[in-house]
Amino acid sequence: MTMARITAGISTSHVPAIGAAIDHGDTGQDYWKPLFQGYEWTRTWLDRNRPDVVVLVYNDHASAFSLETIPTFALGCAATFEPADEGFGPRPVPTVHGHPELAWHLAESLILDEFDLTLMNRLDVDHGLTVPLSLMFGSPDAWPVRVIPLAVNVIQYPPPTGNRCWTLGEAIGRAVRAYDEDLDVQIWGTGGMSHQLQGPRAGLINTPFDTAFLDRLTSDPQALRRIPHLEYLRDAGSEGIELVMWLIMRGALGADVRELHRHYHVPASNTAVGHIVLEAREAAATPEGSS
């Protein structure tokens, strides 16, 4: 029986200034060029290993949700998702096309697996989702993959724990592998790495913490499940908690992964940018790798 499969996981920061650099044609400037060069390997790899669907884990930045409504996990089940107006008009990027059939399968499976999701039949998506797509696919007339958004609250305390995100990822992995359609699915976790946008520590970047986090995604992922909120706050800044979204990706891949590519760059605006591509071993993907 033909079933869907998870082939790989990708994680990346989603700094809004990266989107502005792309939209304004500034990617070749001296400041930005080293950052974008780190994604060239992934773009080439995606040309040969393009998924049918991406489950894209991101956080909304007060575009679709306000302090009046704060879902911990919100799953996009619509057929299309429009770019959000974040105060300067929507980004000039294509409409995001979803996969409602797989999304509703995920909804049923996850809720019966005792995860309480908010189901979104309409959802405008901001830079948290569109910047990763731009980094991976450039500026096409249409996105070359279908996307299921999964929004995670990492804005208003309390966000979900890293362990809860990991177990959600495991449940997503089970649900995808139980879907009876021949689909290649990737899981993308976005946000991070270390950064703080306000207060006396604004501009904080902790490269040793970031490097250790990237290392542990393959060498000791179980340790990442146990990082408490206070440690993220102390060592990675107030916005470093976004890294729990990477753990949804990692949990979905299963125990055995191989690192194919990594990129780390400081600074982008006032943040550290991290990017990693992991192959799910059971998918038996292409042999090429990079470090």
C-alpha atoms as a PDB file:
ATOM      1  CA  MET A   1       0.000   0.000   0.000  1.00  0.00           C
ATOM      2  CA  THR A   2       1.421   3.378  -0.998  1.00  0.00           C
ATOM      3  CA  MET A   3       1.778   5.810   1.905  1.00  0.00           C
ATOM      4  CA  ALA A   4       3.157   9.287   2.441  1.00  0.00           C
ATOM      5  CA  ARG A   5       6.667   9.586   3.823  1.00  0.00           C
ATOM      6  CA  ILE A   6       8.793  12.212   5.543  1.00  0.00           C
ATOM      7  CA  THR A   7      11.999  12.607   3.574  1.00  0.00           C
ATOM      8  CA  ALA A   8      13.800  15.451   5.329  1.00  0.00           C
ATOM      9  CA  GLY A   9      13.629  18.286   7.793  1.00  0.00           C
ATOM     10  CA  ILE A  10      14.820  21.840   7.274  1.00  0.00           C
ATOM     11  CA  SER A  11      15.213  24.558   9.869  1.00  0.00           C
ATOM     12  CA  THR A  12      16.011  28.205   9.360  1.00  0.00           C
ATOM     13  CA  SER A  13      15.702  31.592  10.954  1.00  0.00           C
ATOM     14  CA  HIS A  14      12.966  33.821   9.542  1.00  0.00           C
ATOM     15  CA  VAL A  15      14.317  37.332  10.132  1.00  0.00           C
ATOM     16  CA  PRO A  16      11.987  39.932   8.545  1.00  0.00           C
ATOM     17  CA  ALA A  17      14.939  41.977   7.278  1.00  0.00           C
ATOM     18  CA  ILE A  18      15.913  38.970   5.121  1.00  0.00           C
ATOM     19  CA  GLY A  19      12.574  39.240   3.351  1.00  0.00           C
ATOM     20  CA  ALA A  20      13.090  42.962   2.847  1.00  0.00           C
ATOM     21  CA  ALA A  21      16.542  42.337   1.352  1.00  0.00           C
ATOM     22  CA  ILE A  22      15.045  39.834  -1.099  1.00  0.00           C
ATOM     23  CA  ASP A  23      12.116  42.064  -2.012  1.00  0.00           C
ATOM     24  CA  HIS A  24      14.328  45.123  -2.566  1.00  0.00           C
ATOM     25  CA  GLY A  25      16.999  43.284  -4.571  1.00  0.00           C
ATOM     26  CA  ASP A  26      19.714  43.744  -1.930  1.00  0.00           C
ATOM     27  CA  THR A  27      20.876  40.130  -1.641  1.00  0.00           C
ATOM     28  CA  GLY A  28      24.129  40.847  -3.481  1.00  0.00           C
ATOM     29  CA  GLN A  29      25.208  43.632  -1.150  1.00  0.00           C
ATOM     30  CA  ASP A  30      28.319  43.016   0.940  1.00  0.00           C
ATOM     31  CA  TYR A  31      26.265  42.896   4.127  1.00  0.00           C
ATOM     32  CA  TRP A  32      23.787  40.300   2.880  1.00  0.00           C
ATOM     33  CA  LYS A  33      25.763  38.229   0.389  1.00  0.00           C
ATOM     34  CA  PRO A  34      27.424  35.839   2.905  1.00  0.00           C
ATOM     35  CA  LEU A  35      24.049  35.069   4.465  1.00  0.00           C
ATOM     36  CA  PHE A  36      22.371  34.138   1.193  1.00  0.00           C
ATOM     37  CA  GLN A  37      25.375  32.134  -0.024  1.00  0.00           C
ATOM     38  CA  GLY A  38      24.731  29.730   2.847  1.00  0.00           C
ATOM     39  CA  TYR A  39      21.385  28.766   1.301  1.00  0.00           C
ATOM     40  CA  GLU A  40      22.674  28.063  -2.218  1.00  0.00           C
ATOM     41  CA  TRP A  41      23.461  24.424  -1.375  1.00  0.00           C
ATOM     42  CA  THR A  42      19.929  23.893  -0.110  1.00  0.00           C
ATOM     43  CA  ARG A  43      18.349  25.462  -3.173  1.00  0.00           C
ATOM     44  CA  THR A  44      20.329  23.127  -5.418  1.00  0.00           C
ATOM     45  CA  TRP A  45      19.466  20.144  -3.239  1.00  0.00           C
ATOM     46  CA  LEU A  46      15.768  21.061  -3.267  1.00  0.00           C
ATOM     47  CA  ASP A  47      15.821  21.145  -7.060  1.00  0.00           C
ATOM     48  CA  ARG A  48      16.614  17.409  -6.917  1.00  0.00           C
ATOM     49  CA  ASN A  49      14.706  16.546  -3.743  1.00  0.00           C
ATOM     50  CA  ARG A  50      11.590  18.682  -3.970  1.00  0.00           C
ATOM     51  CA  PRO A  51       8.767  17.553  -1.689  1.00  0.00           C
ATOM     52  CA  ASP A  52       5.125  17.514  -2.650  1.00  0.00           C
ATOM     53  CA  VAL A  53       4.126  19.107   0.655  1.00  0.00           C
ATOM     54  CA  VAL A  54       5.904  21.064   3.369  1.00  0.00           C
ATOM     55  CA  VAL A  55       4.521  21.173   6.910  1.00  0.00           C
ATOM     56  CA  LEU A  56       5.951  24.555   7.857  1.00  0.00           C
ATOM     57  CA  VAL A  57       6.221  25.314  11.568  1.00  0.00           C
ATOM     58  CA  TYR A  58       6.423  29.037  12.296  1.00  0.00           C
ATOM     59  CA  ASN A  59       5.142  31.699  14.651  1.00  0.00           C
ATOM     60  CA  ASP A  60       2.763  34.490  13.822  1.00  0.00           C
ATOM     61  CA  HIS A  61       3.903  38.024  14.691  1.00  0.00           C
ATOM     62  CA  ALA A  62       0.546  39.619  15.599  1.00  0.00           C
ATOM     63  CA  SER A  63      -0.630  39.345  11.985  1.00  0.00           C
ATOM     64  CA  ALA A  64      -3.276  36.619  12.181  1.00  0.00           C
ATOM     65  CA  PHE A  65      -3.519  36.494  15.985  1.00  0.00           C
ATOM     66  CA  SER A  66      -3.634  39.212  18.610  1.00  0.00           C
ATOM     67  CA  LEU A  67      -3.557  39.153  22.402  1.00  0.00           C
ATOM     68  CA  GLU A  68      -7.307  38.548  22.224  1.00  0.00           C
ATOM     69  CA  THR A  69      -6.831  35.048  20.769  1.00  0.00           C
ATOM     70  CA  ILE A  70      -3.649  33.078  21.417  1.00  0.00           C
ATOM     71  CA  PRO A  71      -3.702  29.457  20.241  1.00  0.00           C
ATOM     72  CA  THR A  72      -0.751  27.365  21.375  1.00  0.00           C
ATOM     73  CA  PHE A  73      -0.846  25.350  18.137  1.00  0.00           C
ATOM     74  CA  ALA A  74      -2.868  26.408  15.071  1.00  0.00           C
ATOM     75  CA  LEU A  75      -3.054  24.236  11.953  1.00  0.00           C
ATOM     76  CA  GLY A  76      -3.842  25.778   8.567  1.00  0.00           C
ATOM     77  CA  CYS A  77      -6.453  23.640   6.797  1.00  0.00           C
ATOM     78  CA  ALA A  78      -7.410  26.051   4.011  1.00  0.00           C
ATOM     79  CA  ALA A  79      -6.734  25.687   0.288  1.00  0.00           C
ATOM     80  CA  THR A  80      -4.848  28.999   0.118  1.00  0.00           C
ATOM     81  CA  PHE A  81      -3.110  31.384   2.493  1.00  0.00           C
ATOM     82  CA  GLU A  82      -2.531  35.017   1.575  1.00  0.00           C
ATOM     83  CA  PRO A  83       0.572  37.002   2.570  1.00  0.00           C
ATOM     84  CA  ALA A  84      -0.261  39.152   5.590  1.00  0.00           C
ATOM     85  CA  ASP A  85      -0.033  42.927   5.743  1.00  0.00           C
ATOM     86  CA  GLU A  86       2.501  43.540   8.518  1.00  0.00           C
ATOM     87  CA  GLY A  87       2.162  47.317   8.442  1.00  0.00           C
ATOM     88  CA  PHE A  88       3.903  48.053   5.136  1.00  0.00           C
ATOM     89  CA  GLY A  89       1.587  46.086   2.873  1.00  0.00           C
ATOM     90  CA  PRO A  90       1.869  42.356   2.122  1.00  0.00           C
ATOM     91  CA  ARG A  91       5.205  41.049   0.866  1.00  0.00           C
ATOM     92  CA  PRO A  92       5.246  40.746  -2.957  1.00  0.00           C
ATOM     93  CA  VAL A  93       5.286  36.961  -2.843  1.00  0.00           C
ATOM     94  CA  PRO A  94       2.889  34.360  -4.263  1.00  0.00           C
ATOM     95  CA  THR A  95      -0.197  33.077  -2.514  1.00  0.00           C
ATOM     96  CA  VAL A  96       0.624  29.972  -0.479  1.00  0.00           C
ATOM     97  CA  HIS A  97      -1.324  26.913  -1.622  1.00  0.00           C
ATOM     98  CA  GLY A  98      -2.195  24.352   1.018  1.00  0.00           C
ATOM     99  CA  HIS A  99      -3.062  20.685   0.988  1.00  0.00           C
ATOM    100  CA  PRO A 100      -6.458  20.519   2.723  1.00  0.00           C
ATOM    101  CA  GLU A 101      -6.775  16.741   2.457  1.00  0.00           C
ATOM    102  CA  LEU A 102      -3.510  16.060   4.264  1.00  0.00           C
ATOM    103  CA  ALA A 103      -4.148  18.947   6.674  1.00  0.00           C
ATOM    104  CA  TRP A 104      -7.484  17.498   7.750  1.00  0.00           C
ATOM    105  CA  HIS A 105      -5.915  14.071   8.090  1.00  0.00           C
ATOM    106  CA  LEU A 106      -3.315  15.653  10.385  1.00  0.00           C
ATOM    107  CA  ALA A 107      -6.040  17.428  12.338  1.00  0.00           C
ATOM    108  CA  GLU A 108      -7.972  14.228  12.929  1.00  0.00           C
ATOM    109  CA  SER A 109      -4.917  12.179  13.774  1.00  0.00           C
ATOM    110  CA  LEU A 110      -3.383  14.765  16.113  1.00  0.00           C
ATOM    111  CA  ILE A 111      -6.579  15.543  17.984  1.00  0.00           C
ATOM    112  CA  LEU A 112      -7.300  11.841  18.470  1.00  0.00           C
ATOM    113  CA  ASP A 113      -3.681  11.604  19.635  1.00  0.00           C
ATOM    114  CA  GLU A 114      -4.722  14.093  22.369  1.00  0.00           C
ATOM    115  CA  PHE A 115      -3.152  17.268  20.966  1.00  0.00           C
ATOM    116  CA  ASP A 116      -5.526  20.222  21.231  1.00  0.00           C
ATOM    117  CA  LEU A 117      -5.188  22.167  17.975  1.00  0.00           C
ATOM    118  CA  THR A 118      -6.875  25.310  16.728  1.00  0.00           C
ATOM    119  CA  LEU A 119      -8.031  24.593  13.167  1.00  0.00           C
ATOM    120  CA  MET A 120      -7.717  27.527  10.782  1.00  0.00           C
ATOM    121  CA  ASN A 121      -9.924  27.624   7.683  1.00  0.00           C
ATOM    122  CA  ARG A 122      -8.594  31.103   6.976  1.00  0.00           C
ATOM    123  CA  LEU A 123      -5.087  32.236   7.852  1.00  0.00           C
ATOM    124  CA  ASP A 124      -2.979  35.085   6.512  1.00  0.00           C
ATOM    125  CA  VAL A 125       0.711  34.200   6.827  1.00  0.00           C
ATOM    126  CA  ASP A 126       3.452  36.673   7.679  1.00  0.00           C
ATOM    127  CA  HIS A 127       7.238  36.728   7.307  1.00  0.00           C
ATOM    128  CA  GLY A 128       7.577  33.827   9.736  1.00  0.00           C
ATOM    129  CA  LEU A 129       6.331  31.576   6.938  1.00  0.00           C
ATOM    130  CA  THR A 130       7.122  33.465   3.735  1.00  0.00           C
ATOM    131  CA  VAL A 131      10.782  34.288   4.469  1.00  0.00           C
ATOM    132  CA  PRO A 132      11.748  30.585   4.733  1.00  0.00           C
ATOM    133  CA  LEU A 133       9.974  29.923   1.429  1.00  0.00           C
ATOM    134  CA  SER A 134      11.879  32.790  -0.174  1.00  0.00           C
ATOM    135  CA  LEU A 135      15.201  31.544   1.193  1.00  0.00           C
ATOM    136  CA  MET A 136      14.629  28.092  -0.254  1.00  0.00           C
ATOM    137  CA  PHE A 137      12.916  28.950  -3.545  1.00  0.00           C
ATOM    138  CA  GLY A 138      13.847  32.536  -4.385  1.00  0.00           C
ATOM    139  CA  SER A 139      11.229  34.729  -6.051  1.00  0.00           C
ATOM    140  CA  PRO A 140       9.107  32.453  -8.256  1.00  0.00           C
ATOM    141  CA  ASP A 141       5.774  33.339  -9.821  1.00  0.00           C
ATOM    142  CA  ALA A 142       4.249  30.493  -7.766  1.00  0.00           C
ATOM    143  CA  TRP A 143       5.628  28.474  -4.860  1.00  0.00           C
ATOM    144  CA  PRO A 144       6.707  25.057  -6.175  1.00  0.00           C
ATOM    145  CA  VAL A 145       5.344  23.124  -3.175  1.00  0.00           C
ATOM    146  CA  ARG A 146       2.116  22.974  -1.255  1.00  0.00           C
ATOM    147  CA  VAL A 147       2.358  24.154   2.332  1.00  0.00           C
ATOM    148  CA  ILE A 148       0.515  23.283   5.537  1.00  0.00           C
ATOM    149  CA  PRO A 149       1.160  26.054   8.086  1.00  0.00           C
ATOM    150  CA  LEU A 150       1.515  25.135  11.749  1.00  0.00           C
ATOM    151  CA  ALA A 151       1.622  28.267  13.905  1.00  0.00           C
ATOM    152  CA  VAL A 152       3.094  27.979  17.410  1.00  0.00           C
ATOM    153  CA  ASN A 153       2.724  30.557  20.169  1.00  0.00           C
ATOM    154  CA  VAL A 154       6.187  31.707  21.190  1.00  0.00           C
ATOM    155  CA  ILE A 155       5.133  35.338  21.665  1.00  0.00           C
ATOM    156  CA  GLN A 156       2.937  35.358  24.764  1.00  0.00           C
ATOM    157  CA  TYR A 157       3.975  33.495  27.918  1.00  0.00           C
ATOM    158  CA  PRO A 158       3.613  30.573  28.428  1.00  0.00           C
ATOM    159  CA  PRO A 159       4.842  29.001  25.183  1.00  0.00           C
ATOM    160  CA  PRO A 160       4.830  25.213  24.844  1.00  0.00           C
ATOM    161  CA  THR A 161       7.810  23.338  26.232  1.00  0.00           C
ATOM    162  CA  GLY A 162      10.471  21.864  24.021  1.00  0.00           C
ATOM    163  CA  ASN A 163       9.331  18.406  25.068  1.00  0.00           C
ATOM    164  CA  ARG A 164       5.727  19.157  24.083  1.00  0.00           C
ATOM    165  CA  CYS A 165       6.921  20.392  20.699  1.00  0.00           C
ATOM    166  CA  TRP A 166       9.024  17.264  20.255  1.00  0.00           C
ATOM    167  CA  THR A 167       6.104  14.956  21.035  1.00  0.00           C
ATOM    168  CA  LEU A 168       3.901  16.934  18.652  1.00  0.00           C
ATOM    169  CA  GLY A 169       6.539  16.369  15.989  1.00  0.00           C
ATOM    170  CA  GLU A 170       6.496  12.646  16.713  1.00  0.00           C
ATOM    171  CA  ALA A 171       2.691  12.652  16.349  1.00  0.00           C
ATOM    172  CA  ILE A 172       2.965  14.525  13.040  1.00  0.00           C
ATOM    173  CA  GLY A 173       5.438  11.918  11.843  1.00  0.00           C
ATOM    174  CA  ARG A 174       3.038   9.106  12.704  1.00  0.00           C
ATOM    175  CA  ALA A 175       0.149  10.912  11.032  1.00  0.00           C
ATOM    176  CA  VAL A 176       2.035  11.624   7.800  1.00  0.00           C
ATOM    177  CA  ARG A 177       3.233   8.028   7.537  1.00  0.00           C
ATOM    178  CA  ALA A 178      -0.359   6.819   7.962  1.00  0.00           C
ATOM    179  CA  TYR A 179      -1.684   8.928   5.071  1.00  0.00           C
ATOM    180  CA  ASP A 180      -2.535   6.698   2.130  1.00  0.00           C
ATOM    181  CA  GLU A 181      -1.261   8.807  -0.726  1.00  0.00           C
ATOM    182  CA  ASP A 182       2.093   8.734  -2.484  1.00  0.00           C
ATOM    183  CA  LEU A 183       3.540  11.998  -1.147  1.00  0.00           C
ATOM    184  CA  ASP A 184       7.015  13.204  -0.242  1.00  0.00           C
ATOM    185  CA  VAL A 185       6.662  15.434   2.803  1.00  0.00           C
ATOM    186  CA  GLN A 186       9.234  17.663   4.469  1.00  0.00           C
ATOM    187  CA  ILE A 187       8.920  19.270   7.903  1.00  0.00           C
ATOM    188  CA  TRP A 188      10.381  22.755   8.304  1.00  0.00           C
ATOM    189  CA  GLY A 189      11.010  24.345  11.686  1.00  0.00           C
ATOM    190  CA  THR A 190      11.638  28.080  11.657  1.00  0.00           C
ATOM    191  CA  GLY A 191      12.606  30.907  13.997  1.00  0.00           C
ATOM    192  CA  GLY A 192      15.610  31.578  16.210  1.00  0.00           C
ATOM    193  CA  MET A 193      18.476  31.444  16.736  1.00  0.00           C
ATOM    194  CA  SER A 194      19.711  33.509  19.698  1.00  0.00           C
ATOM    195  CA  HIS A 195      18.343  37.025  19.634  1.00  0.00           C
ATOM    196  CA  GLN A 196      16.677  39.643  21.799  1.00  0.00           C
ATOM    197  CA  LEU A 197      14.810  42.590  20.346  1.00  0.00           C
ATOM    198  CA  GLN A 198      14.191  44.770  23.390  1.00  0.00           C
ATOM    199  CA  GLY A 199      15.475  45.798  26.807  1.00  0.00           C
ATOM    200  CA  PRO A 200      19.050  46.240  28.028  1.00  0.00           C
ATOM    201  CA  ARG A 201      20.137  42.985  26.330  1.00  0.00           C
ATOM    202  CA  ALA A 202      18.769  43.960  22.913  1.00  0.00           C
ATOM    203  CA  GLY A 203      21.100  42.628  20.246  1.00  0.00           C
ATOM    204  CA  LEU A 204      22.240  39.631  22.317  1.00  0.00           C
ATOM    205  CA  ILE A 205      23.801  36.860  20.227  1.00  0.00           C
ATOM    206  CA  ASN A 206      25.229  33.721  21.841  1.00  0.00           C
ATOM    207  CA  THR A 207      27.199  31.803  19.246  1.00  0.00           C
ATOM    208  CA  PRO A 208      28.355  28.991  21.587  1.00  0.00           C
ATOM    209  CA  PHE A 209      24.724  28.268  22.553  1.00  0.00           C
ATOM    210  CA  ASP A 210      23.619  28.313  18.914  1.00  0.00           C
ATOM    211  CA  THR A 211      26.447  26.043  17.779  1.00  0.00           C
ATOM    212  CA  ALA A 212      25.753  23.563  20.570  1.00  0.00           C
ATOM    213  CA  PHE A 213      22.046  23.529  19.639  1.00  0.00           C
ATOM    214  CA  LEU A 214      22.872  22.772  16.005  1.00  0.00           C
ATOM    215  CA  ASP A 215      25.287  20.021  17.062  1.00  0.00           C
ATOM    216  CA  ARG A 216      22.735  18.395  19.355  1.00  0.00           C
ATOM    217  CA  LEU A 217      20.072  18.178  16.662  1.00  0.00           C
ATOM    218  CA  THR A 218      22.016  15.157  15.416  1.00  0.00           C
ATOM    219  CA  SER A 219      24.378  14.177  18.248  1.00  0.00           C
ATOM    220  CA  ASP A 220      22.121  14.474  21.320  1.00  0.00           C
ATOM    221  CA  PRO A 221      18.583  15.523  20.373  1.00  0.00           C
ATOM    222  CA  GLN A 222      17.055  14.103  23.545  1.00  0.00           C
ATOM    223  CA  ALA A 223      18.936  16.717  25.581  1.00  0.00           C
ATOM    224  CA  LEU A 224      17.204  19.488  23.635  1.00  0.00           C
ATOM    225  CA  ARG A 225      13.815  18.279  24.870  1.00  0.00           C
ATOM    226  CA  ARG A 226      14.817  19.141  28.440  1.00  0.00           C
ATOM    227  CA  ILE A 227      15.948  22.754  27.944  1.00  0.00           C
ATOM    228  CA  PRO A 228      13.670  24.874  30.182  1.00  0.00           C
ATOM    229  CA  HIS A 229      12.204  28.221  29.190  1.00  0.00           C
ATOM    230  CA  LEU A 230      14.484  30.033  31.643  1.00  0.00           C
ATOM    231  CA  GLU A 231      17.575  28.643  29.953  1.00  0.00           C
ATOM    232  CA  TYR A 232      16.409  29.859  26.546  1.00  0.00           C
ATOM    233  CA  LEU A 233      15.747  33.291  28.062  1.00  0.00           C
ATOM    234  CA  ARG A 234      19.100  33.476  29.821  1.00  0.00           C
ATOM    235  CA  ASP A 235      21.317  31.995  27.113  1.00  0.00           C
ATOM    236  CA  ALA A 236      19.504  32.749  23.837  1.00  0.00           C
ATOM    237  CA  GLY A 237      17.594  35.955  24.617  1.00  0.00           C
ATOM    238  CA  SER A 238      13.893  36.578  24.955  1.00  0.00           C
ATOM    239  CA  GLU A 239      13.211  35.566  21.347  1.00  0.00           C
ATOM    240  CA  GLY A 240      15.462  32.508  21.485  1.00  0.00           C
ATOM    241  CA  ILE A 241      12.445  30.509  22.660  1.00  0.00           C
ATOM    242  CA  GLU A 242      11.535  30.274  18.962  1.00  0.00           C
ATOM    243  CA  LEU A 243      13.961  27.351  18.799  1.00  0.00           C
ATOM    244  CA  VAL A 244      11.332  25.055  20.319  1.00  0.00           C
ATOM    245  CA  MET A 245       9.729  25.107  16.862  1.00  0.00           C
ATOM    246  CA  TRP A 246      12.822  23.357  15.478  1.00  0.00           C
ATOM    247  CA  LEU A 247      12.057  20.494  17.842  1.00  0.00           C
ATOM    248  CA  ILE A 248       8.737  19.815  16.110  1.00  0.00           C
ATOM    249  CA  MET A 249      10.732  19.243  12.940  1.00  0.00           C
ATOM    250  CA  ARG A 250      13.284  17.086  14.735  1.00  0.00           C
ATOM    251  CA  GLY A 251      10.679  14.979  16.512  1.00  0.00           C
ATOM    252  CA  ALA A 252       8.896  14.257  13.229  1.00  0.00           C
ATOM    253  CA  LEU A 253      12.021  12.838  11.556  1.00  0.00           C
ATOM    254  CA  GLY A 254      12.498   9.886  13.890  1.00  0.00           C
ATOM    255  CA  ALA A 255      15.555   8.737  15.797  1.00  0.00           C
ATOM    256  CA  ASP A 256      18.003   8.239  12.941  1.00  0.00           C
ATOM    257  CA  VAL A 257      18.986  11.274  10.881  1.00  0.00           C
ATOM    258  CA  ARG A 258      21.947  12.493   8.896  1.00  0.00           C
ATOM    259  CA  GLU A 259      23.047  16.107   8.683  1.00  0.00           C
ATOM    260  CA  LEU A 260      23.387  17.174   5.057  1.00  0.00           C
ATOM    261  CA  HIS A 261      24.084  20.881   5.336  1.00  0.00           C
ATOM    262  CA  ARG A 262      24.549  23.609   7.924  1.00  0.00           C
ATOM    263  CA  HIS A 263      24.885  27.372   7.775  1.00  0.00           C
ATOM    264  CA  TYR A 264      25.376  29.878  10.578  1.00  0.00           C
ATOM    265  CA  HIS A 265      25.770  33.614  10.062  1.00  0.00           C
ATOM    266  CA  VAL A 266      26.058  36.651  12.356  1.00  0.00           C
ATOM    267  CA  PRO A 267      24.534  39.134  12.179  1.00  0.00           C
ATOM    268  CA  ALA A 268      21.389  39.525  10.134  1.00  0.00           C
ATOM    269  CA  SER A 269      19.805  42.693  11.395  1.00  0.00           C
ATOM    270  CA  ASN A 270      20.459  42.120  15.125  1.00  0.00           C
ATOM    271  CA  THR A 271      20.016  38.355  15.180  1.00  0.00           C
ATOM    272  CA  ALA A 272      21.945  35.147  14.591  1.00  0.00           C
ATOM    273  CA  VAL A 273      20.834  33.147  11.569  1.00  0.00           C
ATOM    274  CA  GLY A 274      20.933  29.362  11.699  1.00  0.00           C
ATOM    275  CA  HIS A 275      20.037  26.842   9.012  1.00  0.00           C
ATOM    276  CA  ILE A 276      20.278  23.051   8.881  1.00  0.00           C
ATOM    277  CA  VAL A 277      19.108  20.278   6.549  1.00  0.00           C
ATOM    278  CA  LEU A 278      18.546  16.813   8.019  1.00  0.00           C
ATOM    279  CA  GLU A 279      17.788  13.644   6.101  1.00  0.00           C
ATOM    280  CA  ALA A 280      15.431  11.095   7.585  1.00  0.00           C
ATOM    281  CA  ARG A 281      17.489   7.899   7.256  1.00  0.00           C
ATOM    282  CA  GLU A 282      14.483   5.731   6.489  1.00  0.00           C
ATOM    283  CA  ALA A 283      13.747   7.893   3.456  1.00  0.00           C
ATOM    284  CA  ALA A 284      17.018   6.808   1.781  1.00  0.00           C
ATOM    285  CA  ALA A 285      17.410  10.214   0.151  1.00  0.00           C
ATOM    286  CA  THR A 286      20.268  11.363  -2.040  1.00  0.00           C
ATOM    287  CA  PRO A 287      23.820  10.659  -0.822  1.00  0.00           C
ATOM    288  CA  GLU A 288      25.219  14.159  -1.251  1.00  0.00           C
ATOM    289  CA  GLY A 289      26.039  16.046   1.918  1.00  0.00           C
ATOM    290  CA  SER A 290      27.649  19.264   3.068  1.00  0.00           C
ATOM    291  CA  SER A 291      28.926  20.693   6.277  1.00  0.00           C
END
